[in-house]
Amino acid sequence: MTATSETLIARLEALGIPHRTHRHPPVFTVAENAALRGSLPGGHCKSLYLIDRKGGEWLVVVLEDRRLDLKRLSQRLGAPRFSFGSAERMRAVLGVEPGSVTPFALMNETAGGVQVVLDRAMLDLDPLHYHPLVNTATTAIAPGDLLRFIEACGHRPRIEALDDLDLAARGRADP
């Protein structure tokens, strides 16, 4: 059964993970989210559901302003070329709709086939903000608690420094 934001909150509480959820109108882009949150402190993040050329699945979680060079990212991770996963596949694997991709969706991924990559710079900020399986809210947790949650879902995240793959920081447009 696919988890809901309510079952996510119950799971966080069962794990003893402090959290705070802010409700808001639906947001579909980083810009919409930034406009709604005002001065909410911490690391604001986005998650990318990627499929490699051989069918491998990846959840890459980064700071919201990152514009990753996917070709170089796949090379860094030793994966065949990346593309974005389809909405249908994302629903089937992570149990979330487009615009709601989040590391919290790993609680729906029981096969253990999704490889998780976390932006090292993101983990230096506290709290971290993610959608709680829906894009009508944002849940804040501490970086260490994010790691604990991911591991409790049966995943070992790969932590990578991604600054050099950020097209925005290098003054280039998205690929």
C-alpha atoms as a PDB file:
ATOM      1  CA  MET A   1       0.000   0.000   0.000  1.00  0.00           C
ATOM      2  CA  THR A   2       1.295   3.443  -0.897  1.00  0.00           C
ATOM      3  CA  ALA A   3       2.104   5.699   2.050  1.00  0.00           C
ATOM      4  CA  THR A   4       0.297   8.993   2.566  1.00  0.00           C
ATOM      5  CA  SER A   5       1.619  12.131   4.201  1.00  0.00           C
ATOM      6  CA  GLU A   6      -0.195  10.992   7.359  1.00  0.00           C
ATOM      7  CA  THR A   7       1.561   7.605   7.383  1.00  0.00           C
ATOM      8  CA  LEU A   8       4.854   9.388   6.698  1.00  0.00           C
ATOM      9  CA  ILE A   9       4.361  11.614   9.743  1.00  0.00           C
ATOM     10  CA  ALA A  10       3.492   8.544  11.815  1.00  0.00           C
ATOM     11  CA  ARG A  11       6.677   6.828  10.576  1.00  0.00           C
ATOM     12  CA  LEU A  12       8.810   9.862  11.473  1.00  0.00           C
ATOM     13  CA  GLU A  13       7.271   9.888  14.942  1.00  0.00           C
ATOM     14  CA  ALA A  14       7.793   6.126  15.369  1.00  0.00           C
ATOM     15  CA  LEU A  15      11.472   6.662  14.486  1.00  0.00           C
ATOM     16  CA  GLY A  16      11.704   9.509  17.019  1.00  0.00           C
ATOM     17  CA  ILE A  17      12.516  12.020  14.272  1.00  0.00           C
ATOM     18  CA  PRO A  18      11.503  15.600  15.107  1.00  0.00           C
ATOM     19  CA  HIS A  19       9.790  17.341  12.196  1.00  0.00           C
ATOM     20  CA  ARG A  20       7.656  20.312  11.360  1.00  0.00           C
ATOM     21  CA  THR A  21       5.185  20.462   8.484  1.00  0.00           C
ATOM     22  CA  HIS A  22       3.954  23.650   6.826  1.00  0.00           C
ATOM     23  CA  ARG A  23       0.790  23.401   4.700  1.00  0.00           C
ATOM     24  CA  HIS A  24       0.496  25.512   1.549  1.00  0.00           C
ATOM     25  CA  PRO A  25      -1.254  25.594  -1.835  1.00  0.00           C
ATOM     26  CA  PRO A  26       0.066  23.079  -4.394  1.00  0.00           C
ATOM     27  CA  VAL A  27       3.458  23.976  -5.885  1.00  0.00           C
ATOM     28  CA  PHE A  28       4.919  22.460  -9.030  1.00  0.00           C
ATOM     29  CA  THR A  29       8.175  24.363  -9.446  1.00  0.00           C
ATOM     30  CA  VAL A  30      11.061  25.583  -7.339  1.00  0.00           C
ATOM     31  CA  ALA A  31      10.039  29.165  -8.143  1.00  0.00           C
ATOM     32  CA  GLU A  32       6.480  28.609  -6.870  1.00  0.00           C
ATOM     33  CA  ASN A  33       7.817  27.054  -3.696  1.00  0.00           C
ATOM     34  CA  ALA A  34      10.260  29.929  -3.119  1.00  0.00           C
ATOM     35  CA  ALA A  35       7.484  32.501  -3.562  1.00  0.00           C
ATOM     36  CA  LEU A  36       5.287  30.792  -0.952  1.00  0.00           C
ATOM     37  CA  ARG A  37       7.808  30.049   1.761  1.00  0.00           C
ATOM     38  CA  GLY A  38       8.995  33.567   2.468  1.00  0.00           C
ATOM     39  CA  SER A  39      11.979  33.549   4.827  1.00  0.00           C
ATOM     40  CA  LEU A  40      11.662  29.977   6.091  1.00  0.00           C
ATOM     41  CA  PRO A  41      15.261  29.135   7.145  1.00  0.00           C
ATOM     42  CA  GLY A  42      17.277  26.079   6.192  1.00  0.00           C
ATOM     43  CA  GLY A  43      18.036  24.090   3.063  1.00  0.00           C
ATOM     44  CA  HIS A  44      15.331  24.023   0.437  1.00  0.00           C
ATOM     45  CA  CYS A  45      15.728  20.992  -1.768  1.00  0.00           C
ATOM     46  CA  LYS A  46      14.497  19.209  -4.847  1.00  0.00           C
ATOM     47  CA  SER A  47      14.581  15.566  -5.822  1.00  0.00           C
ATOM     48  CA  LEU A  48      15.178  14.114  -9.267  1.00  0.00           C
ATOM     49  CA  TYR A  49      13.899  10.672 -10.224  1.00  0.00           C
ATOM     50  CA  LEU A  50      16.285   9.465 -12.922  1.00  0.00           C
ATOM     51  CA  ILE A  51      16.579   6.319 -14.991  1.00  0.00           C
ATOM     52  CA  ASP A  52      19.903   5.274 -16.456  1.00  0.00           C
ATOM     53  CA  ARG A  53      20.286   3.802 -19.918  1.00  0.00           C
ATOM     54  CA  LYS A  54      20.316   0.253 -18.510  1.00  0.00           C
ATOM     55  CA  GLY A  55      17.107   0.777 -16.523  1.00  0.00           C
ATOM     56  CA  GLY A  56      18.716   1.559 -13.158  1.00  0.00           C
ATOM     57  CA  GLU A  57      16.713   3.901 -10.960  1.00  0.00           C
ATOM     58  CA  TRP A  58      18.163   6.853  -9.068  1.00  0.00           C
ATOM     59  CA  LEU A  59      16.830   9.417  -6.631  1.00  0.00           C
ATOM     60  CA  VAL A  60      19.146  12.420  -6.603  1.00  0.00           C
ATOM     61  CA  VAL A  61      18.398  14.957  -3.860  1.00  0.00           C
ATOM     62  CA  VAL A  62      20.030  18.374  -4.152  1.00  0.00           C
ATOM     63  CA  LEU A  63      19.709  21.984  -3.110  1.00  0.00           C
ATOM     64  CA  GLU A  64      16.851  23.588  -4.997  1.00  0.00           C
ATOM     65  CA  ASP A  65      19.010  26.002  -7.003  1.00  0.00           C
ATOM     66  CA  ARG A  66      21.257  23.292  -8.468  1.00  0.00           C
ATOM     67  CA  ARG A  67      21.090  22.840 -12.242  1.00  0.00           C
ATOM     68  CA  LEU A  68      22.937  19.574 -12.674  1.00  0.00           C
ATOM     69  CA  ASP A  69      24.801  18.526 -15.780  1.00  0.00           C
ATOM     70  CA  LEU A  70      23.193  15.083 -16.077  1.00  0.00           C
ATOM     71  CA  LYS A  71      25.851  13.768 -18.459  1.00  0.00           C
ATOM     72  CA  ARG A  72      28.630  14.594 -16.021  1.00  0.00           C
ATOM     73  CA  LEU A  73      26.519  13.348 -13.095  1.00  0.00           C
ATOM     74  CA  SER A  74      26.099   9.949 -14.743  1.00  0.00           C
ATOM     75  CA  GLN A  75      29.849   9.814 -15.368  1.00  0.00           C
ATOM     76  CA  ARG A  76      30.574  10.736 -11.735  1.00  0.00           C
ATOM     77  CA  LEU A  77      28.260   8.024 -10.459  1.00  0.00           C
ATOM     78  CA  GLY A  78      29.461   5.419 -12.937  1.00  0.00           C
ATOM     79  CA  ALA A  79      26.010   5.077 -14.473  1.00  0.00           C
ATOM     80  CA  PRO A  80      24.980   4.911 -18.120  1.00  0.00           C
ATOM     81  CA  ARG A  81      23.402   8.125 -19.467  1.00  0.00           C
ATOM     82  CA  PHE A  82      20.520   9.533 -17.376  1.00  0.00           C
ATOM     83  CA  SER A  83      17.049  10.599 -18.388  1.00  0.00           C
ATOM     84  CA  PHE A  84      14.108  11.588 -16.220  1.00  0.00           C
ATOM     85  CA  GLY A  85      11.853   8.727 -15.176  1.00  0.00           C
ATOM     86  CA  SER A  86       8.304   8.718 -16.515  1.00  0.00           C
ATOM     87  CA  ALA A  87       5.425   9.801 -14.313  1.00  0.00           C
ATOM     88  CA  GLU A  88       3.964   6.287 -14.551  1.00  0.00           C
ATOM     89  CA  ARG A  89       7.174   4.595 -13.448  1.00  0.00           C
ATOM     90  CA  MET A  90       7.684   7.134 -10.649  1.00  0.00           C
ATOM     91  CA  ARG A  91       4.163   6.464  -9.365  1.00  0.00           C
ATOM     92  CA  ALA A  92       4.755   2.709  -9.482  1.00  0.00           C
ATOM     93  CA  VAL A  93       8.173   2.814  -7.781  1.00  0.00           C
ATOM     94  CA  LEU A  94       8.000   5.793  -5.404  1.00  0.00           C
ATOM     95  CA  GLY A  95       4.242   6.197  -5.020  1.00  0.00           C
ATOM     96  CA  VAL A  96       4.262   9.947  -5.688  1.00  0.00           C
ATOM     97  CA  GLU A  97       2.948  12.282  -8.356  1.00  0.00           C
ATOM     98  CA  PRO A  98       5.101  14.594 -10.471  1.00  0.00           C
ATOM     99  CA  GLY A  99       5.934  17.686  -8.428  1.00  0.00           C
ATOM    100  CA  SER A 100       6.010  15.665  -5.211  1.00  0.00           C
ATOM    101  CA  VAL A 101       9.263  13.712  -5.582  1.00  0.00           C
ATOM    102  CA  THR A 102      10.994  13.533  -2.219  1.00  0.00           C
ATOM    103  CA  PRO A 103      13.389  11.351  -0.258  1.00  0.00           C
ATOM    104  CA  PHE A 104      10.410  10.540   1.969  1.00  0.00           C
ATOM    105  CA  ALA A 105       9.019   8.499  -0.968  1.00  0.00           C
ATOM    106  CA  LEU A 106      11.680   5.891  -0.233  1.00  0.00           C
ATOM    107  CA  MET A 107       9.265   4.453   2.324  1.00  0.00           C
ATOM    108  CA  ASN A 108       7.187   3.310  -0.684  1.00  0.00           C
ATOM    109  CA  GLU A 109      10.175   1.733  -2.459  1.00  0.00           C
ATOM    110  CA  THR A 110      10.414  -1.679  -0.839  1.00  0.00           C
ATOM    111  CA  ALA A 111      12.393  -3.513  -3.547  1.00  0.00           C
ATOM    112  CA  GLY A 112      15.588  -1.575  -2.741  1.00  0.00           C
ATOM    113  CA  GLY A 113      16.303  -0.941  -6.411  1.00  0.00           C
ATOM    114  CA  VAL A 114      16.523   2.854  -6.267  1.00  0.00           C
ATOM    115  CA  GLN A 115      20.009   4.213  -5.704  1.00  0.00           C
ATOM    116  CA  VAL A 116      19.965   7.343  -3.542  1.00  0.00           C
ATOM    117  CA  VAL A 117      22.409  10.220  -4.036  1.00  0.00           C
ATOM    118  CA  LEU A 118      22.500  13.187  -1.644  1.00  0.00           C
ATOM    119  CA  ASP A 119      24.136  16.545  -2.300  1.00  0.00           C
ATOM    120  CA  ARG A 120      26.888  16.952   0.321  1.00  0.00           C
ATOM    121  CA  ALA A 121      26.329  20.742   0.506  1.00  0.00           C
ATOM    122  CA  MET A 122      22.665  20.162   1.334  1.00  0.00           C
ATOM    123  CA  LEU A 123      23.621  18.201   4.450  1.00  0.00           C
ATOM    124  CA  ASP A 124      25.442  21.257   5.846  1.00  0.00           C
ATOM    125  CA  LEU A 125      22.122  23.112   6.234  1.00  0.00           C
ATOM    126  CA  ASP A 126      19.599  22.653   9.025  1.00  0.00           C
ATOM    127  CA  PRO A 127      16.713  22.086   8.785  1.00  0.00           C
ATOM    128  CA  LEU A 128      16.143  20.511   5.371  1.00  0.00           C
ATOM    129  CA  HIS A 129      12.787  20.924   3.628  1.00  0.00           C
ATOM    130  CA  TYR A 130      11.022  18.297   1.495  1.00  0.00           C
ATOM    131  CA  HIS A 131       7.482  17.566   0.362  1.00  0.00           C
ATOM    132  CA  PRO A 132       5.821  14.974   2.624  1.00  0.00           C
ATOM    133  CA  LEU A 133       4.714  12.846  -0.393  1.00  0.00           C
ATOM    134  CA  VAL A 134       2.400  15.627  -1.620  1.00  0.00           C
ATOM    135  CA  ASN A 135       3.123  19.080  -3.022  1.00  0.00           C
ATOM    136  CA  THR A 136       0.654  20.809  -0.695  1.00  0.00           C
ATOM    137  CA  ALA A 137       3.022  20.816   2.270  1.00  0.00           C
ATOM    138  CA  THR A 138       6.687  21.010   3.193  1.00  0.00           C
ATOM    139  CA  THR A 139       8.249  19.054   6.050  1.00  0.00           C
ATOM    140  CA  ALA A 140      11.443  20.161   7.788  1.00  0.00           C
ATOM    141  CA  ILE A 141      13.870  17.719   9.428  1.00  0.00           C
ATOM    142  CA  ALA A 142      17.508  17.765  10.509  1.00  0.00           C
ATOM    143  CA  PRO A 143      20.159  16.368   8.107  1.00  0.00           C
ATOM    144  CA  GLY A 144      21.110  13.535  10.445  1.00  0.00           C
ATOM    145  CA  ASP A 145      17.457  12.582  10.766  1.00  0.00           C
ATOM    146  CA  LEU A 146      17.119  12.498   6.980  1.00  0.00           C
ATOM    147  CA  LEU A 147      19.971   9.989   6.873  1.00  0.00           C
ATOM    148  CA  ARG A 148      18.361   7.954   9.642  1.00  0.00           C
ATOM    149  CA  PHE A 149      15.035   7.933   7.807  1.00  0.00           C
ATOM    150  CA  ILE A 150      16.599   6.824   4.511  1.00  0.00           C
ATOM    151  CA  GLU A 151      18.497   4.017   6.235  1.00  0.00           C
ATOM    152  CA  ALA A 152      15.324   2.947   8.064  1.00  0.00           C
ATOM    153  CA  CYS A 153      13.747   2.573   4.612  1.00  0.00           C
ATOM    154  CA  GLY A 154      16.491   0.113   3.684  1.00  0.00           C
ATOM    155  CA  HIS A 155      18.662   2.422   1.592  1.00  0.00           C
ATOM    156  CA  ARG A 156      22.281   3.491   1.966  1.00  0.00           C
ATOM    157  CA  PRO A 157      22.591   6.941   0.447  1.00  0.00           C
ATOM    158  CA  ARG A 158      25.636   7.945  -1.521  1.00  0.00           C
ATOM    159  CA  ILE A 159      26.785  11.418  -0.453  1.00  0.00           C
ATOM    160  CA  GLU A 160      28.441  13.362  -3.258  1.00  0.00           C
ATOM    161  CA  ALA A 161      29.947  16.836  -3.609  1.00  0.00           C
ATOM    162  CA  LEU A 162      28.100  18.175  -6.653  1.00  0.00           C
ATOM    163  CA  ASP A 163      29.272  21.785  -6.772  1.00  0.00           C
ATOM    164  CA  ASP A 164      31.389  21.203  -9.878  1.00  0.00           C
ATOM    165  CA  LEU A 165      28.398  19.715 -11.738  1.00  0.00           C
ATOM    166  CA  ASP A 166      26.161  22.742 -11.108  1.00  0.00           C
ATOM    167  CA  LEU A 167      25.513  24.502 -14.421  1.00  0.00           C
ATOM    168  CA  ALA A 168      23.973  27.498 -12.637  1.00  0.00           C
ATOM    169  CA  ALA A 169      27.141  28.074 -10.615  1.00  0.00           C
ATOM    170  CA  ARG A 170      29.197  27.876 -13.814  1.00  0.00           C
ATOM    171  CA  GLY A 171      26.939  30.392 -15.568  1.00  0.00           C
ATOM    172  CA  ARG A 172      25.512  27.916 -18.095  1.00  0.00           C
ATOM    173  CA  ALA A 173      21.934  27.136 -18.989  1.00  0.00           C
ATOM    174  CA  ASP A 174      20.297  23.787 -18.342  1.00  0.00           C
ATOM    175  CA  PRO A 175      21.206  21.059 -20.849  1.00  0.00           C
END
